[in-house]
């Protein structure tokens, strides 16, 4: 979920309270999921690095479909991808985490 940057709030008090309660519930759910490490709370998680669009050095995309790769003794998981050169789509490098297997 991405936070609403311009919520259209109603002017009637009861509807306003209901709308604000719903927004607060969404924000707290996302925050709780982020603190628990849930991939569902990361709106830019993808199974592969971006193949289009303008991206900037330092942008990061989390891997939504991790699997163990490599050979015995040097297995790893691709945690995500970091943009190392700005562009369309930019140059992306995988961030690998060794598994110890």
N, C-alpha and C. Protein backbone atom coordinates (compact mmCIF):
# COMPACT_ATOMS: atom_id res chain seq x y z
N UNK A 1 0.84 -1.17 0.00
CA UNK A 1 0.00 0.00 0.00
C UNK A 1 0.88 1.24 0.00
N UNK A 2 0.57 2.16 -0.82
CA UNK A 2 1.26 3.44 -0.83
C UNK A 2 0.37 4.45 -0.12
N UNK A 3 0.96 5.28 0.72
CA UNK A 3 0.17 6.25 1.47
C UNK A 3 -0.47 7.28 0.55
N UNK A 4 -1.68 7.68 0.88
CA UNK A 4 -2.41 8.69 0.11
C UNK A 4 -1.79 10.05 0.40
N UNK A 5 -1.38 10.76 -0.64
CA UNK A 5 -0.74 12.07 -0.43
C UNK A 5 -1.75 13.21 -0.46
N UNK A 6 -2.92 12.98 -1.03
CA UNK A 6 -3.94 14.02 -1.10
C UNK A 6 -5.32 13.40 -0.86
N UNK A 7 -5.59 12.97 0.39
CA UNK A 7 -6.89 12.36 0.63
C UNK A 7 -8.00 13.40 0.54
N UNK A 8 -9.02 13.09 -0.20
CA UNK A 8 -10.19 13.99 -0.31
C UNK A 8 -11.08 13.73 0.90
N UNK A 9 -11.02 14.65 1.84
CA UNK A 9 -11.74 14.45 3.10
C UNK A 9 -13.13 15.09 3.02
N UNK A 10 -14.13 14.38 3.53
CA UNK A 10 -15.49 14.94 3.54
C UNK A 10 -15.61 16.08 4.55
N UNK A 11 -16.59 16.94 4.35
CA UNK A 11 -16.78 18.08 5.25
C UNK A 11 -17.73 17.75 6.40
N UNK A 12 -18.58 16.74 6.23
CA UNK A 12 -19.53 16.35 7.28
C UNK A 12 -18.76 15.59 8.36
N UNK A 13 -18.98 15.93 9.63
CA UNK A 13 -18.19 15.43 10.75
C UNK A 13 -18.16 13.90 10.85
N UNK A 14 -19.30 13.25 10.79
CA UNK A 14 -19.34 11.79 10.94
C UNK A 14 -18.58 11.10 9.81
N UNK A 15 -18.75 11.57 8.59
CA UNK A 15 -18.02 11.00 7.45
C UNK A 15 -16.53 11.28 7.56
N UNK A 16 -16.17 12.47 8.08
CA UNK A 16 -14.77 12.82 8.26
C UNK A 16 -14.11 11.89 9.26
N UNK A 17 -14.75 11.64 10.38
CA UNK A 17 -14.21 10.73 11.40
C UNK A 17 -14.02 9.34 10.82
N UNK A 18 -15.00 8.86 10.06
CA UNK A 18 -14.91 7.53 9.44
C UNK A 18 -13.74 7.47 8.45
N UNK A 19 -13.61 8.48 7.61
CA UNK A 19 -12.53 8.51 6.61
C UNK A 19 -11.16 8.55 7.30
N UNK A 20 -11.00 9.40 8.31
CA UNK A 20 -9.73 9.49 9.03
C UNK A 20 -9.41 8.20 9.77
N UNK A 21 -10.43 7.55 10.32
CA UNK A 21 -10.23 6.26 10.99
C UNK A 21 -9.72 5.22 10.00
N UNK A 22 -10.30 5.18 8.80
CA UNK A 22 -9.86 4.23 7.77
C UNK A 22 -8.43 4.51 7.31
N UNK A 23 -8.08 5.79 7.15
CA UNK A 23 -6.72 6.16 6.75
C UNK A 23 -5.74 5.74 7.84
N UNK A 24 -6.06 6.04 9.09
CA UNK A 24 -5.19 5.69 10.21
C UNK A 24 -5.02 4.17 10.31
N UNK A 25 -6.09 3.42 10.09
CA UNK A 25 -6.01 1.96 10.13
C UNK A 25 -5.06 1.44 9.03
N UNK A 26 -5.18 2.00 7.82
CA UNK A 26 -4.30 1.59 6.71
C UNK A 26 -2.84 1.89 7.02
N UNK A 27 -2.59 3.08 7.58
CA UNK A 27 -1.22 3.49 7.91
C UNK A 27 -0.63 2.59 8.99
N UNK A 28 -1.39 2.32 10.04
CA UNK A 28 -0.87 1.48 11.12
C UNK A 28 -0.67 0.04 10.66
N UNK A 29 -1.54 -0.47 9.80
CA UNK A 29 -1.34 -1.82 9.26
C UNK A 29 -0.06 -1.90 8.44
N UNK A 30 0.17 -0.89 7.59
CA UNK A 30 1.38 -0.90 6.78
C UNK A 30 2.62 -0.77 7.66
N UNK A 31 2.58 0.11 8.64
CA UNK A 31 3.71 0.29 9.54
C UNK A 31 4.01 -0.99 10.32
N UNK A 32 2.97 -1.63 10.84
CA UNK A 32 3.17 -2.89 11.56
C UNK A 32 3.77 -3.96 10.64
N UNK A 33 3.27 -4.06 9.42
CA UNK A 33 3.81 -5.03 8.47
C UNK A 33 5.26 -4.72 8.12
N UNK A 34 5.60 -3.46 7.98
CA UNK A 34 7.00 -3.08 7.70
C UNK A 34 7.91 -3.48 8.86
N UNK A 35 7.49 -3.21 10.08
CA UNK A 35 8.34 -3.54 11.23
C UNK A 35 8.48 -5.04 11.42
N UNK A 36 7.52 -5.82 10.90
CA UNK A 36 7.60 -7.27 10.99
C UNK A 36 8.29 -7.89 9.78
N UNK A 37 8.76 -7.05 8.84
CA UNK A 37 9.48 -7.54 7.68
C UNK A 37 8.61 -8.16 6.61
N UNK A 38 7.34 -7.83 6.57
CA UNK A 38 6.40 -8.40 5.60
C UNK A 38 6.60 -7.79 4.22
N UNK A 39 6.76 -8.63 3.20
CA UNK A 39 6.93 -8.15 1.83
C UNK A 39 5.67 -7.45 1.34
N UNK A 40 4.51 -7.80 1.88
CA UNK A 40 3.25 -7.17 1.47
C UNK A 40 3.22 -5.68 1.79
N UNK A 41 4.07 -5.22 2.70
CA UNK A 41 4.10 -3.80 3.06
C UNK A 41 5.02 -2.99 2.16
N UNK A 42 5.76 -3.67 1.28
CA UNK A 42 6.71 -2.99 0.39
C UNK A 42 6.08 -2.89 -0.99
N UNK A 43 5.62 -1.70 -1.36
CA UNK A 43 4.87 -1.55 -2.61
C UNK A 43 5.74 -1.66 -3.85
N UNK A 44 7.06 -1.54 -3.74
CA UNK A 44 7.92 -1.62 -4.92
C UNK A 44 8.66 -2.95 -5.03
N UNK A 45 8.21 -3.98 -4.34
CA UNK A 45 8.83 -5.30 -4.46
C UNK A 45 8.41 -5.91 -5.79
N UNK A 46 9.36 -6.51 -6.49
CA UNK A 46 9.13 -7.10 -7.81
C UNK A 46 9.93 -8.39 -7.94
N UNK A 47 9.56 -9.26 -8.88
CA UNK A 47 10.32 -10.49 -9.08
C UNK A 47 11.58 -10.30 -9.93
N UNK A 48 11.79 -9.10 -10.48
CA UNK A 48 12.96 -8.81 -11.31
C UNK A 48 13.24 -7.31 -11.25
N UNK A 49 14.45 -6.88 -11.60
CA UNK A 49 14.73 -5.45 -11.59
C UNK A 49 13.89 -4.73 -12.65
N UNK A 50 13.64 -3.44 -12.48
CA UNK A 50 12.84 -2.69 -13.46
C UNK A 50 13.43 -2.76 -14.86
N UNK A 51 12.55 -2.90 -15.85
CA UNK A 51 12.97 -2.96 -17.25
C UNK A 51 12.55 -1.70 -18.01
N UNK A 52 11.91 -0.76 -17.32
CA UNK A 52 11.47 0.47 -17.96
C UNK A 52 11.36 1.57 -16.90
N UNK A 53 11.12 2.77 -17.38
CA UNK A 53 10.93 3.90 -16.48
C UNK A 53 12.24 4.53 -16.06
N UNK A 54 12.17 5.78 -15.62
CA UNK A 54 13.35 6.51 -15.17
C UNK A 54 13.70 6.06 -13.76
N UNK A 55 14.95 5.67 -13.57
CA UNK A 55 15.44 5.26 -12.26
C UNK A 55 16.75 5.98 -11.98
N UNK A 56 17.06 6.10 -10.71
CA UNK A 56 18.22 6.87 -10.30
C UNK A 56 19.17 6.02 -9.46
N UNK A 57 20.47 6.32 -9.57
CA UNK A 57 21.46 5.60 -8.79
C UNK A 57 21.07 5.68 -7.32
N UNK A 58 21.06 4.51 -6.67
CA UNK A 58 20.66 4.44 -5.27
C UNK A 58 19.25 3.91 -5.07
N UNK A 59 18.43 3.90 -6.14
CA UNK A 59 17.09 3.31 -6.03
C UNK A 59 17.24 1.83 -5.69
N UNK A 60 16.30 1.31 -4.91
CA UNK A 60 16.36 -0.09 -4.49
C UNK A 60 15.00 -0.73 -4.70
N UNK A 61 15.01 -1.94 -5.23
CA UNK A 61 13.81 -2.74 -5.41
C UNK A 61 14.02 -4.07 -4.71
N UNK A 62 13.08 -4.45 -3.84
CA UNK A 62 13.18 -5.73 -3.15
C UNK A 62 12.69 -6.86 -4.03
N UNK A 63 13.28 -8.03 -3.87
CA UNK A 63 12.91 -9.21 -4.63
C UNK A 63 11.68 -9.86 -3.99
N UNK A 64 10.58 -9.92 -4.74
CA UNK A 64 9.35 -10.51 -4.20
C UNK A 64 9.28 -12.02 -4.43
N UNK A 65 10.27 -12.57 -5.14
CA UNK A 65 10.26 -14.01 -5.44
C UNK A 65 11.65 -14.61 -5.19
N UNK A 66 12.15 -14.53 -3.95
CA UNK A 66 13.50 -15.03 -3.69
C UNK A 66 13.58 -16.56 -3.76
N UNK A 67 14.72 -17.05 -4.19
CA UNK A 67 14.99 -18.49 -4.18
C UNK A 67 16.49 -18.66 -4.01
N UNK A 68 16.88 -19.82 -3.50
CA UNK A 68 18.30 -20.09 -3.30
C UNK A 68 18.94 -20.45 -4.64
N UNK A 69 20.04 -19.79 -4.96
CA UNK A 69 20.75 -19.99 -6.22
C UNK A 69 22.19 -20.37 -5.94
N UNK A 70 22.95 -20.68 -6.99
CA UNK A 70 24.37 -20.99 -6.85
C UNK A 70 24.61 -22.48 -6.70
N UNK A 71 25.87 -22.80 -6.42
CA UNK A 71 26.27 -24.20 -6.27
C UNK A 71 26.60 -24.49 -4.82
N UNK A 72 26.66 -25.78 -4.49
CA UNK A 72 26.94 -26.20 -3.11
C UNK A 72 28.17 -25.49 -2.57
N UNK A 73 28.06 -24.95 -1.37
CA UNK A 73 29.16 -24.24 -0.73
C UNK A 73 29.17 -22.76 -1.02
N UNK A 74 28.42 -22.32 -2.04
CA UNK A 74 28.37 -20.89 -2.36
C UNK A 74 26.95 -20.48 -2.79
N UNK A 75 25.98 -21.00 -2.10
CA UNK A 75 24.59 -20.65 -2.42
C UNK A 75 24.25 -19.26 -1.86
N UNK A 76 23.32 -18.61 -2.55
CA UNK A 76 22.93 -17.25 -2.17
C UNK A 76 21.47 -17.01 -2.53
N UNK A 77 20.94 -15.93 -1.99
CA UNK A 77 19.61 -15.44 -2.32
C UNK A 77 19.77 -14.01 -2.81
N UNK A 78 19.08 -13.66 -3.89
CA UNK A 78 19.05 -12.26 -4.35
C UNK A 78 18.00 -11.54 -3.51
N UNK A 79 18.47 -10.68 -2.60
CA UNK A 79 17.60 -9.93 -1.70
C UNK A 79 16.84 -8.85 -2.45
N UNK A 80 17.48 -8.28 -3.48
CA UNK A 80 16.87 -7.21 -4.27
C UNK A 80 17.88 -6.69 -5.26
N UNK A 81 17.60 -5.52 -5.85
CA UNK A 81 18.48 -4.92 -6.85
C UNK A 81 18.67 -3.44 -6.54
N UNK A 82 19.90 -2.97 -6.72
CA UNK A 82 20.25 -1.57 -6.50
C UNK A 82 20.60 -0.95 -7.86
N UNK A 83 20.04 0.22 -8.12
CA UNK A 83 20.37 0.94 -9.34
C UNK A 83 21.74 1.60 -9.13
N UNK A 84 22.70 1.26 -9.99
CA UNK A 84 24.06 1.78 -9.83
C UNK A 84 24.39 2.86 -10.85
N UNK A 85 23.53 3.04 -11.86
CA UNK A 85 23.71 4.11 -12.84
C UNK A 85 22.32 4.58 -13.29
N UNK A 86 22.05 5.86 -13.14
CA UNK A 86 20.74 6.42 -13.51
C UNK A 86 20.46 6.21 -14.98
N UNK A 87 19.19 6.11 -15.32
CA UNK A 87 18.80 5.96 -16.72
C UNK A 87 17.41 5.39 -16.86
N UNK A 88 17.09 5.05 -18.10
CA UNK A 88 15.80 4.46 -18.42
C UNK A 88 16.05 3.09 -19.03
N UNK A 89 16.08 2.01 -18.32
CA UNK A 89 15.65 1.84 -16.93
C UNK A 89 16.77 2.01 -15.91
N UNK A 90 18.00 2.35 -16.32
CA UNK A 90 19.12 2.40 -15.39
C UNK A 90 19.87 1.08 -15.40
N UNK A 91 20.96 1.02 -14.67
CA UNK A 91 21.75 -0.21 -14.55
C UNK A 91 21.53 -0.77 -13.16
N UNK A 92 21.07 -2.00 -13.10
CA UNK A 92 20.70 -2.64 -11.83
C UNK A 92 21.66 -3.76 -11.50
N UNK A 93 22.11 -3.81 -10.24
CA UNK A 93 22.98 -4.88 -9.77
C UNK A 93 22.27 -5.64 -8.65
N UNK A 94 22.37 -6.98 -8.66
CA UNK A 94 21.71 -7.74 -7.61
C UNK A 94 22.44 -7.61 -6.29
N UNK A 95 21.69 -7.58 -5.20
CA UNK A 95 22.26 -7.62 -3.86
C UNK A 95 22.07 -9.04 -3.35
N UNK A 96 23.16 -9.75 -3.21
CA UNK A 96 23.12 -11.16 -2.84
C UNK A 96 23.41 -11.35 -1.37
N UNK A 97 22.75 -12.34 -0.79
CA UNK A 97 22.96 -12.72 0.60
C UNK A 97 23.35 -14.19 0.61
N UNK A 98 24.53 -14.49 1.15
CA UNK A 98 24.97 -15.88 1.23
C UNK A 98 24.11 -16.64 2.23
N UNK A 99 23.83 -17.90 1.91
CA UNK A 99 23.00 -18.71 2.80
C UNK A 99 23.83 -19.65 3.67
N UNK A 100 25.09 -19.89 3.31
CA UNK A 100 25.93 -20.80 4.08
C UNK A 100 25.78 -22.25 3.64
N UNK A 101 25.00 -22.48 2.61
CA UNK A 101 24.81 -23.86 2.11
C UNK A 101 25.76 -24.16 0.96
